[in-house]
Amino acid sequence: MNEDVALAPARKAVLSRRVRLLVAATIAYNVVEAVVAIAAGTVASSTALIGFGLDSVVEVASATAVAWQFSGTDPEARERVALRVIAVSFFALAAYVTVEAVRSLLGGEPAAHSTVGIVLAAVSLAVMPGLSYAQRRAGRELGSASAVADSKQTLLCTYLSGILLVGLLLNSLLGWWWADPVVALAIAVVAVREGREAWRGDHCC
């Protein structure tokens, strides 16, 4: 927590409650997103789409860690553990996606067109920025590195949605099959960077 700014207890309670509500909304959306993305990615043999779905699983783990932190009477005492969970989740995602993307590139197996994946990426591109901004704003005022880290996890989903959308469209419209695993590798690189920041607690404020 940022100790330089003292918040009134009433304001602190309001912000904590807001973070919990935003975290709950993030979890609910990402559960749906993960199921749809992984199912569509499996059908289309799309490493990028499956990786996007797994990122949603990571976001659920991250948001759950923050929800656990703020469910206690002393969130500050739980912050370091929450940050570690967020970081490890990022690293696990990066490792899996990298392996699958390299296998796809070496094997040359093209991903099929996925209308469901394209629609999902477009919807996430519209929904995620608002959730991320609201949580980041509340987390910064509260001085919570874990809340800000989780908001960046949500913002990462926005970037990945855009990258995924481009990759799926290139594959569908131009037949650039290699765009799918390349996009997956981009997802892995960003995940490693965010994981390192979470591990160091560099997200606040």
N, C-alpha and C. Protein backbone atom coordinates (compact mmCIF):
# COMPACT_ATOMS: atom_id res chain seq x y z
N MET A 1 0.82 -1.20 0.00
CA MET A 1 0.00 0.00 0.00
C MET A 1 0.87 1.26 0.00
N ASN A 2 0.35 2.32 -0.58
CA ASN A 2 1.04 3.60 -0.59
C ASN A 2 0.71 4.33 0.70
N GLU A 3 1.71 4.56 1.56
CA GLU A 3 1.46 5.15 2.85
C GLU A 3 1.61 6.66 2.84
N ASP A 4 1.95 7.25 1.66
CA ASP A 4 2.18 8.68 1.60
C ASP A 4 0.87 9.46 1.68
N VAL A 5 -0.23 8.86 1.29
CA VAL A 5 -1.52 9.53 1.27
C VAL A 5 -2.45 8.82 2.23
N ALA A 6 -2.92 9.56 3.23
CA ALA A 6 -3.81 8.97 4.22
C ALA A 6 -5.26 9.18 3.78
N LEU A 7 -6.00 8.09 3.67
CA LEU A 7 -7.40 8.16 3.29
C LEU A 7 -8.29 8.09 4.52
N ALA A 8 -9.40 8.83 4.48
CA ALA A 8 -10.37 8.72 5.55
C ALA A 8 -10.95 7.31 5.55
N PRO A 9 -11.23 6.75 6.71
CA PRO A 9 -11.77 5.37 6.77
C PRO A 9 -13.00 5.16 5.90
N ALA A 10 -13.89 6.16 5.84
CA ALA A 10 -15.11 6.02 5.04
C ALA A 10 -14.78 5.91 3.55
N ARG A 11 -13.84 6.76 3.11
CA ARG A 11 -13.44 6.73 1.69
C ARG A 11 -12.72 5.43 1.37
N LYS A 12 -11.91 4.97 2.30
CA LYS A 12 -11.18 3.72 2.10
C LYS A 12 -12.15 2.55 1.96
N ALA A 13 -13.21 2.57 2.77
CA ALA A 13 -14.22 1.51 2.70
C ALA A 13 -14.95 1.53 1.36
N VAL A 14 -15.26 2.74 0.88
CA VAL A 14 -15.95 2.88 -0.41
C VAL A 14 -15.08 2.33 -1.54
N LEU A 15 -13.80 2.70 -1.52
CA LEU A 15 -12.89 2.25 -2.57
C LEU A 15 -12.67 0.74 -2.52
N SER A 16 -12.55 0.20 -1.33
CA SER A 16 -12.37 -1.25 -1.19
C SER A 16 -13.59 -2.00 -1.73
N ARG A 17 -14.78 -1.47 -1.42
CA ARG A 17 -16.01 -2.10 -1.92
C ARG A 17 -16.08 -2.00 -3.45
N ARG A 18 -15.65 -0.85 -3.99
CA ARG A 18 -15.65 -0.68 -5.44
C ARG A 18 -14.71 -1.67 -6.11
N VAL A 19 -13.53 -1.84 -5.53
CA VAL A 19 -12.57 -2.80 -6.08
C VAL A 19 -13.16 -4.20 -6.08
N ARG A 20 -13.83 -4.58 -4.99
CA ARG A 20 -14.43 -5.91 -4.92
C ARG A 20 -15.50 -6.11 -6.00
N LEU A 21 -16.31 -5.09 -6.23
CA LEU A 21 -17.35 -5.18 -7.25
C LEU A 21 -16.75 -5.29 -8.65
N LEU A 22 -15.72 -4.49 -8.91
CA LEU A 22 -15.07 -4.53 -10.22
C LEU A 22 -14.37 -5.87 -10.45
N VAL A 23 -13.78 -6.39 -9.39
CA VAL A 23 -13.12 -7.70 -9.48
C VAL A 23 -14.16 -8.78 -9.77
N ALA A 24 -15.32 -8.70 -9.13
CA ALA A 24 -16.38 -9.68 -9.36
C ALA A 24 -16.85 -9.62 -10.82
N ALA A 25 -17.01 -8.41 -11.36
CA ALA A 25 -17.42 -8.26 -12.75
C ALA A 25 -16.36 -8.82 -13.69
N THR A 26 -15.10 -8.58 -13.37
CA THR A 26 -14.00 -9.10 -14.19
C THR A 26 -13.98 -10.62 -14.20
N ILE A 27 -14.17 -11.21 -13.03
CA ILE A 27 -14.19 -12.67 -12.94
C ILE A 27 -15.33 -13.25 -13.77
N ALA A 28 -16.52 -12.68 -13.63
CA ALA A 28 -17.69 -13.19 -14.35
C ALA A 28 -17.48 -13.12 -15.86
N TYR A 29 -17.00 -11.98 -16.34
CA TYR A 29 -16.80 -11.84 -17.78
C TYR A 29 -15.73 -12.81 -18.29
N ASN A 30 -14.64 -12.92 -17.54
CA ASN A 30 -13.53 -13.74 -18.01
C ASN A 30 -13.81 -15.23 -17.97
N VAL A 31 -14.69 -15.66 -17.07
CA VAL A 31 -15.08 -17.07 -17.08
C VAL A 31 -15.78 -17.40 -18.39
N VAL A 32 -16.71 -16.53 -18.79
CA VAL A 32 -17.42 -16.72 -20.06
C VAL A 32 -16.44 -16.64 -21.23
N GLU A 33 -15.57 -15.64 -21.19
CA GLU A 33 -14.59 -15.44 -22.26
C GLU A 33 -13.67 -16.64 -22.41
N ALA A 34 -13.22 -17.20 -21.29
CA ALA A 34 -12.31 -18.34 -21.33
C ALA A 34 -12.98 -19.56 -21.96
N VAL A 35 -14.21 -19.84 -21.54
CA VAL A 35 -14.92 -21.01 -22.07
C VAL A 35 -15.12 -20.88 -23.57
N VAL A 36 -15.58 -19.71 -24.02
CA VAL A 36 -15.85 -19.49 -25.45
C VAL A 36 -14.56 -19.55 -26.26
N ALA A 37 -13.50 -18.86 -25.78
CA ALA A 37 -12.24 -18.80 -26.53
C ALA A 37 -11.57 -20.16 -26.64
N ILE A 38 -11.50 -20.89 -25.54
CA ILE A 38 -10.84 -22.20 -25.58
C ILE A 38 -11.62 -23.18 -26.45
N ALA A 39 -12.95 -23.14 -26.35
CA ALA A 39 -13.76 -24.02 -27.18
C ALA A 39 -13.61 -23.68 -28.66
N ALA A 40 -13.69 -22.40 -28.99
CA ALA A 40 -13.55 -21.97 -30.39
C ALA A 40 -12.14 -22.24 -30.90
N GLY A 41 -11.14 -22.02 -30.03
CA GLY A 41 -9.76 -22.26 -30.44
C GLY A 41 -9.48 -23.73 -30.68
N THR A 42 -10.09 -24.60 -29.89
CA THR A 42 -9.93 -26.04 -30.08
C THR A 42 -10.54 -26.48 -31.41
N VAL A 43 -11.72 -25.97 -31.70
CA VAL A 43 -12.40 -26.31 -32.96
C VAL A 43 -11.59 -25.83 -34.16
N ALA A 44 -11.02 -24.62 -34.06
CA ALA A 44 -10.29 -24.03 -35.18
C ALA A 44 -8.81 -24.36 -35.19
N SER A 45 -8.32 -25.10 -34.18
CA SER A 45 -6.89 -25.39 -34.02
C SER A 45 -6.07 -24.10 -33.98
N SER A 46 -6.60 -23.10 -33.26
CA SER A 46 -5.96 -21.80 -33.17
C SER A 46 -5.21 -21.66 -31.85
N THR A 47 -3.87 -21.64 -31.93
CA THR A 47 -3.05 -21.46 -30.74
C THR A 47 -3.29 -20.11 -30.10
N ALA A 48 -3.45 -19.08 -30.94
CA ALA A 48 -3.66 -17.73 -30.43
C ALA A 48 -4.99 -17.63 -29.68
N LEU A 49 -6.02 -18.25 -30.22
CA LEU A 49 -7.34 -18.19 -29.59
C LEU A 49 -7.36 -18.97 -28.28
N ILE A 50 -6.70 -20.13 -28.27
CA ILE A 50 -6.60 -20.90 -27.03
C ILE A 50 -5.77 -20.11 -26.01
N GLY A 51 -4.69 -19.49 -26.47
CA GLY A 51 -3.86 -18.68 -25.58
C GLY A 51 -4.65 -17.51 -25.00
N PHE A 52 -5.51 -16.92 -25.80
CA PHE A 52 -6.36 -15.83 -25.34
C PHE A 52 -7.32 -16.34 -24.26
N GLY A 53 -7.86 -17.54 -24.48
CA GLY A 53 -8.74 -18.13 -23.48
C GLY A 53 -8.00 -18.42 -22.19
N LEU A 54 -6.77 -18.91 -22.30
CA LEU A 54 -5.98 -19.19 -21.11
C LEU A 54 -5.61 -17.90 -20.38
N ASP A 55 -5.41 -16.83 -21.15
CA ASP A 55 -5.17 -15.53 -20.51
C ASP A 55 -6.38 -15.13 -19.67
N SER A 56 -7.57 -15.47 -20.16
CA SER A 56 -8.78 -15.19 -19.39
C SER A 56 -8.79 -15.99 -18.08
N VAL A 57 -8.30 -17.23 -18.15
CA VAL A 57 -8.18 -18.04 -16.94
C VAL A 57 -7.20 -17.39 -15.96
N VAL A 58 -6.09 -16.87 -16.51
CA VAL A 58 -5.11 -16.18 -15.68
C VAL A 58 -5.74 -14.94 -15.05
N GLU A 59 -6.54 -14.23 -15.82
CA GLU A 59 -7.22 -13.04 -15.29
C GLU A 59 -8.16 -13.41 -14.14
N VAL A 60 -8.82 -14.55 -14.27
CA VAL A 60 -9.70 -15.02 -13.20
C VAL A 60 -8.88 -15.31 -11.94
N ALA A 61 -7.74 -15.97 -12.12
CA ALA A 61 -6.86 -16.27 -10.98
C ALA A 61 -6.36 -14.97 -10.34
N SER A 62 -5.97 -14.02 -11.18
CA SER A 62 -5.48 -12.74 -10.69
C SER A 62 -6.57 -11.99 -9.92
N ALA A 63 -7.76 -11.91 -10.52
CA ALA A 63 -8.87 -11.20 -9.87
C ALA A 63 -9.29 -11.90 -8.58
N THR A 64 -9.23 -13.24 -8.58
CA THR A 64 -9.58 -13.99 -7.38
C THR A 64 -8.60 -13.70 -6.25
N ALA A 65 -7.32 -13.56 -6.61
CA ALA A 65 -6.31 -13.23 -5.61
C ALA A 65 -6.58 -11.86 -4.99
N VAL A 66 -6.99 -10.90 -5.81
CA VAL A 66 -7.30 -9.57 -5.30
C VAL A 66 -8.58 -9.61 -4.46
N ALA A 67 -9.56 -10.40 -4.91
CA ALA A 67 -10.80 -10.54 -4.13
C ALA A 67 -10.50 -11.14 -2.76
N TRP A 68 -9.61 -12.14 -2.72
CA TRP A 68 -9.19 -12.74 -1.46
C TRP A 68 -8.51 -11.71 -0.58
N GLN A 69 -7.64 -10.90 -1.19
CA GLN A 69 -6.93 -9.88 -0.42
C GLN A 69 -7.90 -8.92 0.26
N PHE A 70 -8.89 -8.44 -0.50
CA PHE A 70 -9.80 -7.43 0.03
C PHE A 70 -10.96 -8.02 0.83
N SER A 71 -11.00 -9.33 0.94
CA SER A 71 -12.03 -9.95 1.78
C SER A 71 -11.62 -9.99 3.24
N GLY A 72 -10.33 -9.75 3.48
CA GLY A 72 -9.83 -9.78 4.85
C GLY A 72 -9.95 -8.42 5.54
N THR A 73 -9.73 -8.41 6.83
CA THR A 73 -9.81 -7.16 7.59
C THR A 73 -8.57 -6.30 7.41
N ASP A 74 -7.47 -6.91 6.94
CA ASP A 74 -6.22 -6.17 6.73
C ASP A 74 -5.66 -6.50 5.35
N PRO A 75 -6.21 -5.84 4.29
CA PRO A 75 -5.76 -6.13 2.92
C PRO A 75 -4.27 -5.91 2.69
N GLU A 76 -3.69 -4.94 3.42
CA GLU A 76 -2.26 -4.66 3.23
C GLU A 76 -1.40 -5.88 3.55
N ALA A 77 -1.81 -6.63 4.55
CA ALA A 77 -1.02 -7.80 4.97
C ALA A 77 -1.04 -8.91 3.92
N ARG A 78 -2.06 -8.90 3.07
CA ARG A 78 -2.20 -9.95 2.06
C ARG A 78 -1.69 -9.54 0.68
N GLU A 79 -1.25 -8.29 0.55
CA GLU A 79 -0.94 -7.78 -0.78
C GLU A 79 0.21 -8.51 -1.47
N ARG A 80 1.29 -8.78 -0.73
CA ARG A 80 2.44 -9.42 -1.36
C ARG A 80 2.08 -10.80 -1.91
N VAL A 81 1.29 -11.55 -1.16
CA VAL A 81 0.86 -12.88 -1.63
C VAL A 81 0.02 -12.74 -2.89
N ALA A 82 -0.88 -11.76 -2.91
CA ALA A 82 -1.72 -11.55 -4.09
C ALA A 82 -0.88 -11.21 -5.31
N LEU A 83 0.13 -10.38 -5.13
CA LEU A 83 1.02 -10.01 -6.24
C LEU A 83 1.79 -11.23 -6.76
N ARG A 84 2.21 -12.10 -5.85
CA ARG A 84 2.94 -13.30 -6.26
C ARG A 84 2.03 -14.21 -7.10
N VAL A 85 0.78 -14.36 -6.68
CA VAL A 85 -0.17 -15.18 -7.44
C VAL A 85 -0.37 -14.61 -8.84
N ILE A 86 -0.51 -13.30 -8.93
CA ILE A 86 -0.69 -12.65 -10.23
C ILE A 86 0.53 -12.89 -11.12
N ALA A 87 1.73 -12.73 -10.54
CA ALA A 87 2.96 -12.91 -11.32
C ALA A 87 3.11 -14.34 -11.83
N VAL A 88 2.91 -15.31 -10.94
CA VAL A 88 3.04 -16.71 -11.33
C VAL A 88 2.03 -17.07 -12.42
N SER A 89 0.84 -16.51 -12.33
CA SER A 89 -0.19 -16.76 -13.35
C SER A 89 0.28 -16.27 -14.72
N PHE A 90 0.89 -15.09 -14.73
CA PHE A 90 1.43 -14.55 -15.99
C PHE A 90 2.50 -15.48 -16.56
N PHE A 91 3.42 -15.93 -15.71
CA PHE A 91 4.52 -16.77 -16.17
C PHE A 91 4.02 -18.11 -16.71
N ALA A 92 3.03 -18.68 -16.05
CA ALA A 92 2.47 -19.95 -16.50
C ALA A 92 1.82 -19.80 -17.88
N LEU A 93 1.10 -18.72 -18.07
CA LEU A 93 0.49 -18.44 -19.36
C LEU A 93 1.55 -18.32 -20.45
N ALA A 94 2.60 -17.55 -20.17
CA ALA A 94 3.66 -17.33 -21.16
C ALA A 94 4.33 -18.64 -21.56
N ALA A 95 4.60 -19.51 -20.58
CA ALA A 95 5.28 -20.78 -20.85
C ALA A 95 4.42 -21.66 -21.76
N TYR A 96 3.16 -21.80 -21.44
CA TYR A 96 2.28 -22.67 -22.23
C TYR A 96 2.12 -22.15 -23.65
N VAL A 97 1.83 -20.86 -23.78
CA VAL A 97 1.58 -20.29 -25.10
C VAL A 97 2.83 -20.37 -25.97
N THR A 98 4.00 -20.14 -25.39
CA THR A 98 5.25 -20.20 -26.15
C THR A 98 5.46 -21.60 -26.72
N VAL A 99 5.30 -22.61 -25.90
CA VAL A 99 5.48 -23.99 -26.35
C VAL A 99 4.51 -24.33 -27.49
N GLU A 100 3.25 -23.99 -27.31
CA GLU A 100 2.25 -24.31 -28.32
C GLU A 100 2.46 -23.52 -29.60
N ALA A 101 2.88 -22.26 -29.50
CA ALA A 101 3.11 -21.44 -30.68
C ALA A 101 4.29 -21.97 -31.50
N VAL A 102 5.37 -22.35 -30.80
CA VAL A 102 6.55 -22.90 -31.50
C VAL A 102 6.19 -24.22 -32.18
N ARG A 103 5.43 -25.06 -31.49
CA ARG A 103 4.99 -26.32 -32.09
C ARG A 103 4.16 -26.07 -33.35
N SER A 104 3.31 -25.07 -33.29
CA SER A 104 2.47 -24.75 -34.44
C SER A 104 3.30 -24.23 -35.61
N LEU A 105 4.28 -23.38 -35.32
CA LEU A 105 5.14 -22.84 -36.38
C LEU A 105 5.98 -23.93 -37.03
N LEU A 106 6.54 -24.81 -36.21
CA LEU A 106 7.38 -25.87 -36.75
C LEU A 106 6.57 -26.92 -37.50
N GLY A 107 5.37 -27.17 -37.01
CA GLY A 107 4.53 -28.17 -37.66
C GLY A 107 3.81 -27.64 -38.88
N GLY A 108 3.66 -26.31 -38.95
CA GLY A 108 3.00 -25.72 -40.10
C GLY A 108 1.53 -26.05 -40.21
N GLU A 109 0.88 -26.33 -39.08
CA GLU A 109 -0.54 -26.67 -39.11
C GLU A 109 -1.37 -25.38 -39.10
N PRO A 110 -2.10 -25.10 -40.19
CA PRO A 110 -2.86 -23.85 -40.26
C PRO A 110 -4.09 -23.87 -39.36
N ALA A 111 -4.41 -22.70 -38.81
CA ALA A 111 -5.63 -22.57 -38.02
C ALA A 111 -6.80 -22.28 -38.96
N ALA A 112 -7.95 -22.83 -38.63
CA ALA A 112 -9.14 -22.61 -39.46
C ALA A 112 -9.78 -21.26 -39.12
N HIS A 113 -10.66 -20.79 -40.01
CA HIS A 113 -11.41 -19.56 -39.76
C HIS A 113 -12.30 -19.75 -38.55
N SER A 114 -12.41 -18.69 -37.72
CA SER A 114 -13.25 -18.77 -36.53
C SER A 114 -14.07 -17.48 -36.40
N THR A 115 -15.32 -17.56 -36.82
CA THR A 115 -16.22 -16.40 -36.67
C THR A 115 -16.45 -16.08 -35.21
N VAL A 116 -16.61 -17.13 -34.40
CA VAL A 116 -16.82 -16.95 -32.96
C VAL A 116 -15.63 -16.23 -32.33
N GLY A 117 -14.43 -16.62 -32.73
CA GLY A 117 -13.22 -16.00 -32.19
C GLY A 117 -13.13 -14.53 -32.57
N ILE A 118 -13.47 -14.20 -33.80
CA ILE A 118 -13.42 -12.81 -34.25
C ILE A 118 -14.41 -11.95 -33.48
N VAL A 119 -15.63 -12.46 -33.31
CA VAL A 119 -16.66 -11.71 -32.57
C VAL A 119 -16.23 -11.53 -31.11
N LEU A 120 -15.70 -12.60 -30.51
CA LEU A 120 -15.27 -12.54 -29.11
C LEU A 120 -14.17 -11.50 -28.92
N ALA A 121 -13.19 -11.49 -29.82
CA ALA A 121 -12.09 -10.53 -29.72
C ALA A 121 -12.61 -9.10 -29.83
N ALA A 122 -13.57 -8.88 -30.73
CA ALA A 122 -14.13 -7.54 -30.92
C ALA A 122 -14.91 -7.08 -29.68
N VAL A 123 -15.69 -7.99 -29.09
CA VAL A 123 -16.46 -7.65 -27.89
C VAL A 123 -15.52 -7.33 -26.72
N SER A 124 -14.49 -8.15 -26.54
CA SER A 124 -13.54 -7.91 -25.45
C SER A 124 -12.80 -6.59 -25.64
N LEU A 125 -12.52 -6.26 -26.88
CA LEU A 125 -11.84 -5.00 -27.20
C LEU A 125 -12.69 -3.81 -26.77
N ALA A 126 -14.01 -3.99 -26.77
CA ALA A 126 -14.92 -2.91 -26.37
C ALA A 126 -15.16 -2.88 -24.86
N VAL A 127 -15.18 -4.05 -24.21
CA VAL A 127 -15.57 -4.15 -22.80
C VAL A 127 -14.40 -3.90 -21.84
N MET A 128 -13.24 -4.46 -22.13
CA MET A 128 -12.15 -4.48 -21.17
C MET A 128 -11.58 -3.11 -20.78
N PRO A 129 -11.46 -2.14 -21.70
CA PRO A 129 -10.86 -0.84 -21.30
C PRO A 129 -11.60 -0.16 -20.16
N GLY A 130 -12.93 -0.21 -20.17
CA GLY A 130 -13.70 0.43 -19.11
C GLY A 130 -13.48 -0.21 -17.76
N LEU A 131 -13.48 -1.54 -17.73
CA LEU A 131 -13.23 -2.25 -16.47
C LEU A 131 -11.84 -1.95 -15.93
N SER A 132 -10.86 -1.95 -16.83
CA SER A 132 -9.48 -1.71 -16.42
C SER A 132 -9.32 -0.30 -15.85
N TYR A 133 -9.88 0.68 -16.53
CA TYR A 133 -9.74 2.08 -16.09
C TYR A 133 -10.36 2.29 -14.72
N ALA A 134 -11.56 1.75 -14.52
CA ALA A 134 -12.26 1.94 -13.25
C ALA A 134 -11.49 1.31 -12.10
N GLN A 135 -10.96 0.10 -12.31
CA GLN A 135 -10.22 -0.56 -11.23
C GLN A 135 -8.88 0.11 -10.98
N ARG A 136 -8.21 0.53 -12.04
CA ARG A 136 -6.92 1.19 -11.87
C ARG A 136 -7.08 2.51 -11.10
N ARG A 137 -8.14 3.25 -11.43
CA ARG A 137 -8.39 4.52 -10.74
C ARG A 137 -8.65 4.29 -9.25
N ALA A 138 -9.50 3.31 -8.94
CA ALA A 138 -9.80 3.01 -7.54
C ALA A 138 -8.56 2.48 -6.82
N GLY A 139 -7.79 1.61 -7.50
CA GLY A 139 -6.60 1.04 -6.89
C GLY A 139 -5.53 2.07 -6.59
N ARG A 140 -5.36 3.04 -7.49
CA ARG A 140 -4.35 4.07 -7.28
C ARG A 140 -4.74 4.99 -6.13
N GLU A 141 -6.02 5.35 -6.06
CA GLU A 141 -6.46 6.21 -4.95
C GLU A 141 -6.33 5.47 -3.63
N LEU A 142 -6.60 4.18 -3.67
CA LEU A 142 -6.50 3.37 -2.46
C LEU A 142 -5.05 3.08 -2.10
N GLY A 143 -4.16 3.17 -3.10
CA GLY A 143 -2.75 2.87 -2.87
C GLY A 143 -2.45 1.39 -2.88
N SER A 144 -3.23 0.62 -3.66
CA SER A 144 -3.08 -0.84 -3.68
C SER A 144 -2.36 -1.29 -4.94
N ALA A 145 -1.15 -1.81 -4.77
CA ALA A 145 -0.38 -2.30 -5.91
C ALA A 145 -1.05 -3.50 -6.56
N SER A 146 -1.68 -4.36 -5.76
CA SER A 146 -2.31 -5.55 -6.33
C SER A 146 -3.53 -5.19 -7.16
N ALA A 147 -4.32 -4.22 -6.71
CA ALA A 147 -5.49 -3.79 -7.48
C ALA A 147 -5.06 -3.16 -8.80
N VAL A 148 -3.98 -2.37 -8.76
CA VAL A 148 -3.46 -1.77 -9.99
C VAL A 148 -2.89 -2.84 -10.91
N ALA A 149 -2.21 -3.84 -10.32
CA ALA A 149 -1.66 -4.94 -11.12
C ALA A 149 -2.78 -5.71 -11.80
N ASP A 150 -3.85 -5.94 -11.07
CA ASP A 150 -4.98 -6.67 -11.67
C ASP A 150 -5.64 -5.84 -12.76
N SER A 151 -5.68 -4.52 -12.59
CA SER A 151 -6.24 -3.66 -13.64
C SER A 151 -5.37 -3.72 -14.89
N LYS A 152 -4.07 -3.86 -14.71
CA LYS A 152 -3.18 -3.98 -15.86
C LYS A 152 -3.35 -5.33 -16.53
N GLN A 153 -3.68 -6.33 -15.74
CA GLN A 153 -4.02 -7.64 -16.29
C GLN A 153 -5.23 -7.51 -17.21
N THR A 154 -6.22 -6.74 -16.76
CA THR A 154 -7.41 -6.51 -17.57
C THR A 154 -7.08 -5.68 -18.80
N LEU A 155 -6.20 -4.68 -18.63
CA LEU A 155 -5.78 -3.87 -19.78
C LEU A 155 -5.02 -4.72 -20.78
N LEU A 156 -4.24 -5.67 -20.28
CA LEU A 156 -3.53 -6.59 -21.17
C LEU A 156 -4.52 -7.33 -22.06
N CYS A 157 -5.66 -7.69 -21.50
CA CYS A 157 -6.69 -8.37 -22.28
C CYS A 157 -7.16 -7.50 -23.43
N THR A 158 -7.20 -6.18 -23.22
CA THR A 158 -7.59 -5.26 -24.29
C THR A 158 -6.58 -5.33 -25.43
N TYR A 159 -5.29 -5.23 -25.08
CA TYR A 159 -4.24 -5.31 -26.10
C TYR A 159 -4.28 -6.65 -26.83
N LEU A 160 -4.44 -7.71 -26.05
CA LEU A 160 -4.46 -9.04 -26.65
C LEU A 160 -5.68 -9.23 -27.54
N SER A 161 -6.79 -8.60 -27.17
CA SER A 161 -7.99 -8.68 -28.00
C SER A 161 -7.72 -8.07 -29.37
N GLY A 162 -7.05 -6.92 -29.38
CA GLY A 162 -6.71 -6.26 -30.64
C GLY A 162 -5.74 -7.09 -31.47
N ILE A 163 -4.70 -7.62 -30.79
CA ILE A 163 -3.72 -8.45 -31.49
C ILE A 163 -4.38 -9.70 -32.05
N LEU A 164 -5.21 -10.33 -31.22
CA LEU A 164 -5.90 -11.55 -31.64
C LEU A 164 -6.82 -11.27 -32.83
N LEU A 165 -7.54 -10.18 -32.76
CA LEU A 165 -8.46 -9.83 -33.85
C LEU A 165 -7.71 -9.67 -35.17
N VAL A 166 -6.57 -8.99 -35.13
CA VAL A 166 -5.76 -8.81 -36.34
C VAL A 166 -5.27 -10.16 -36.85
N GLY A 167 -4.77 -11.00 -35.95
CA GLY A 167 -4.27 -12.31 -36.36
C GLY A 167 -5.33 -13.18 -36.97
N LEU A 168 -6.51 -13.21 -36.36
CA LEU A 168 -7.61 -14.03 -36.89
C LEU A 168 -8.08 -13.52 -38.25
N LEU A 169 -8.12 -12.21 -38.41
CA LEU A 169 -8.54 -11.64 -39.69
C LEU A 169 -7.51 -11.91 -40.79
N LEU A 170 -6.22 -11.80 -40.45
CA LEU A 170 -5.17 -12.10 -41.43
C LEU A 170 -5.24 -13.55 -41.87
N ASN A 171 -5.49 -14.43 -40.93
CA ASN A 171 -5.61 -15.85 -41.26
C ASN A 171 -6.84 -16.13 -42.11
N SER A 172 -7.96 -15.50 -41.75
CA SER A 172 -9.22 -15.76 -42.45
C SER A 172 -9.28 -15.12 -43.83
N LEU A 173 -8.80 -13.87 -43.93
CA LEU A 173 -8.95 -13.12 -45.18
C LEU A 173 -7.79 -13.34 -46.16
N LEU A 174 -6.59 -13.50 -45.62
CA LEU A 174 -5.42 -13.60 -46.50
C LEU A 174 -4.76 -14.98 -46.48
N GLY A 175 -5.23 -15.85 -45.59
CA GLY A 175 -4.63 -17.17 -45.51
C GLY A 175 -3.25 -17.19 -44.88
N TRP A 176 -2.92 -16.17 -44.10
CA TRP A 176 -1.61 -16.11 -43.44
C TRP A 176 -1.66 -16.96 -42.17
N TRP A 177 -1.50 -18.28 -42.32
CA TRP A 177 -1.63 -19.19 -41.19
C TRP A 177 -0.63 -18.92 -40.08
N TRP A 178 0.55 -18.42 -40.47
CA TRP A 178 1.60 -18.17 -39.49
C TRP A 178 1.28 -16.99 -38.57
N ALA A 179 0.29 -16.16 -38.97
CA ALA A 179 -0.07 -15.01 -38.14
C ALA A 179 -0.61 -15.47 -36.78
N ASP A 180 -1.27 -16.63 -36.76
CA ASP A 180 -1.86 -17.12 -35.52
C ASP A 180 -0.80 -17.44 -34.46
N PRO A 181 0.21 -18.29 -34.75
CA PRO A 181 1.23 -18.56 -33.73
C PRO A 181 2.10 -17.34 -33.42
N VAL A 182 2.30 -16.45 -34.40
CA VAL A 182 3.08 -15.24 -34.14
C VAL A 182 2.34 -14.35 -33.13
N VAL A 183 1.04 -14.25 -33.30
CA VAL A 183 0.23 -13.50 -32.33
C VAL A 183 0.33 -14.15 -30.95
N ALA A 184 0.30 -15.47 -30.92
CA ALA A 184 0.42 -16.19 -29.65
C ALA A 184 1.75 -15.86 -28.96
N LEU A 185 2.83 -15.79 -29.73
CA LEU A 185 4.14 -15.45 -29.16
C LEU A 185 4.14 -14.02 -28.62
N ALA A 186 3.44 -13.12 -29.30
CA ALA A 186 3.33 -11.74 -28.82
C ALA A 186 2.60 -11.72 -27.47
N ILE A 187 1.58 -12.55 -27.35
CA ILE A 187 0.86 -12.66 -26.08
C ILE A 187 1.81 -13.12 -24.97
N ALA A 188 2.66 -14.09 -25.28
CA ALA A 188 3.60 -14.62 -24.29
C ALA A 188 4.61 -13.57 -23.85
N VAL A 189 5.11 -12.78 -24.78
CA VAL A 189 6.10 -11.74 -24.45
C VAL A 189 5.49 -10.70 -23.50
N VAL A 190 4.29 -10.25 -23.81
CA VAL A 190 3.63 -9.26 -22.96
C VAL A 190 3.34 -9.86 -21.58
N ALA A 191 2.96 -11.13 -21.54
CA ALA A 191 2.66 -11.78 -20.27
C ALA A 191 3.90 -11.84 -19.37
N VAL A 192 5.06 -12.14 -19.95
CA VAL A 192 6.30 -12.18 -19.17
C VAL A 192 6.61 -10.81 -18.58
N ARG A 193 6.47 -9.78 -19.39
CA ARG A 193 6.75 -8.42 -18.92
C ARG A 193 5.84 -8.05 -17.74
N GLU A 194 4.56 -8.32 -17.90
CA GLU A 194 3.62 -7.99 -16.84
C GLU A 194 3.86 -8.84 -15.58
N GLY A 195 4.27 -10.09 -15.79
CA GLY A 195 4.56 -10.95 -14.66
C GLY A 195 5.74 -10.44 -13.84
N ARG A 196 6.77 -9.96 -14.54
CA ARG A 196 7.93 -9.42 -13.84
C ARG A 196 7.56 -8.19 -13.04
N GLU A 197 6.71 -7.32 -13.60
CA GLU A 197 6.30 -6.12 -12.88
C GLU A 197 5.48 -6.48 -11.64
N ALA A 198 4.61 -7.46 -11.79
CA ALA A 198 3.79 -7.87 -10.65
C ALA A 198 4.68 -8.47 -9.55
N TRP A 199 5.67 -9.28 -9.94
CA TRP A 199 6.55 -9.91 -8.95
C TRP A 199 7.33 -8.86 -8.17
N ARG A 200 7.76 -7.80 -8.87
CA ARG A 200 8.51 -6.74 -8.21
C ARG A 200 7.61 -5.74 -7.48
N GLY A 201 6.29 -5.80 -7.77
CA GLY A 201 5.37 -4.85 -7.17
C GLY A 201 5.51 -3.47 -7.75
N ASP A 202 5.77 -3.40 -9.08
CA ASP A 202 6.02 -2.10 -9.73
C ASP A 202 4.77 -1.43 -10.26
N HIS A 203 3.59 -1.92 -9.95
CA HIS A 203 2.37 -1.43 -10.59
C HIS A 203 1.74 -0.20 -9.91
N CYS A 204 2.22 0.20 -8.80
CA CYS A 204 1.57 1.29 -8.07
C CYS A 204 2.54 2.43 -7.88
N CYS A 205 2.11 3.68 -7.99
CA CYS A 205 0.76 4.15 -8.21
C CYS A 205 0.84 5.32 -9.17
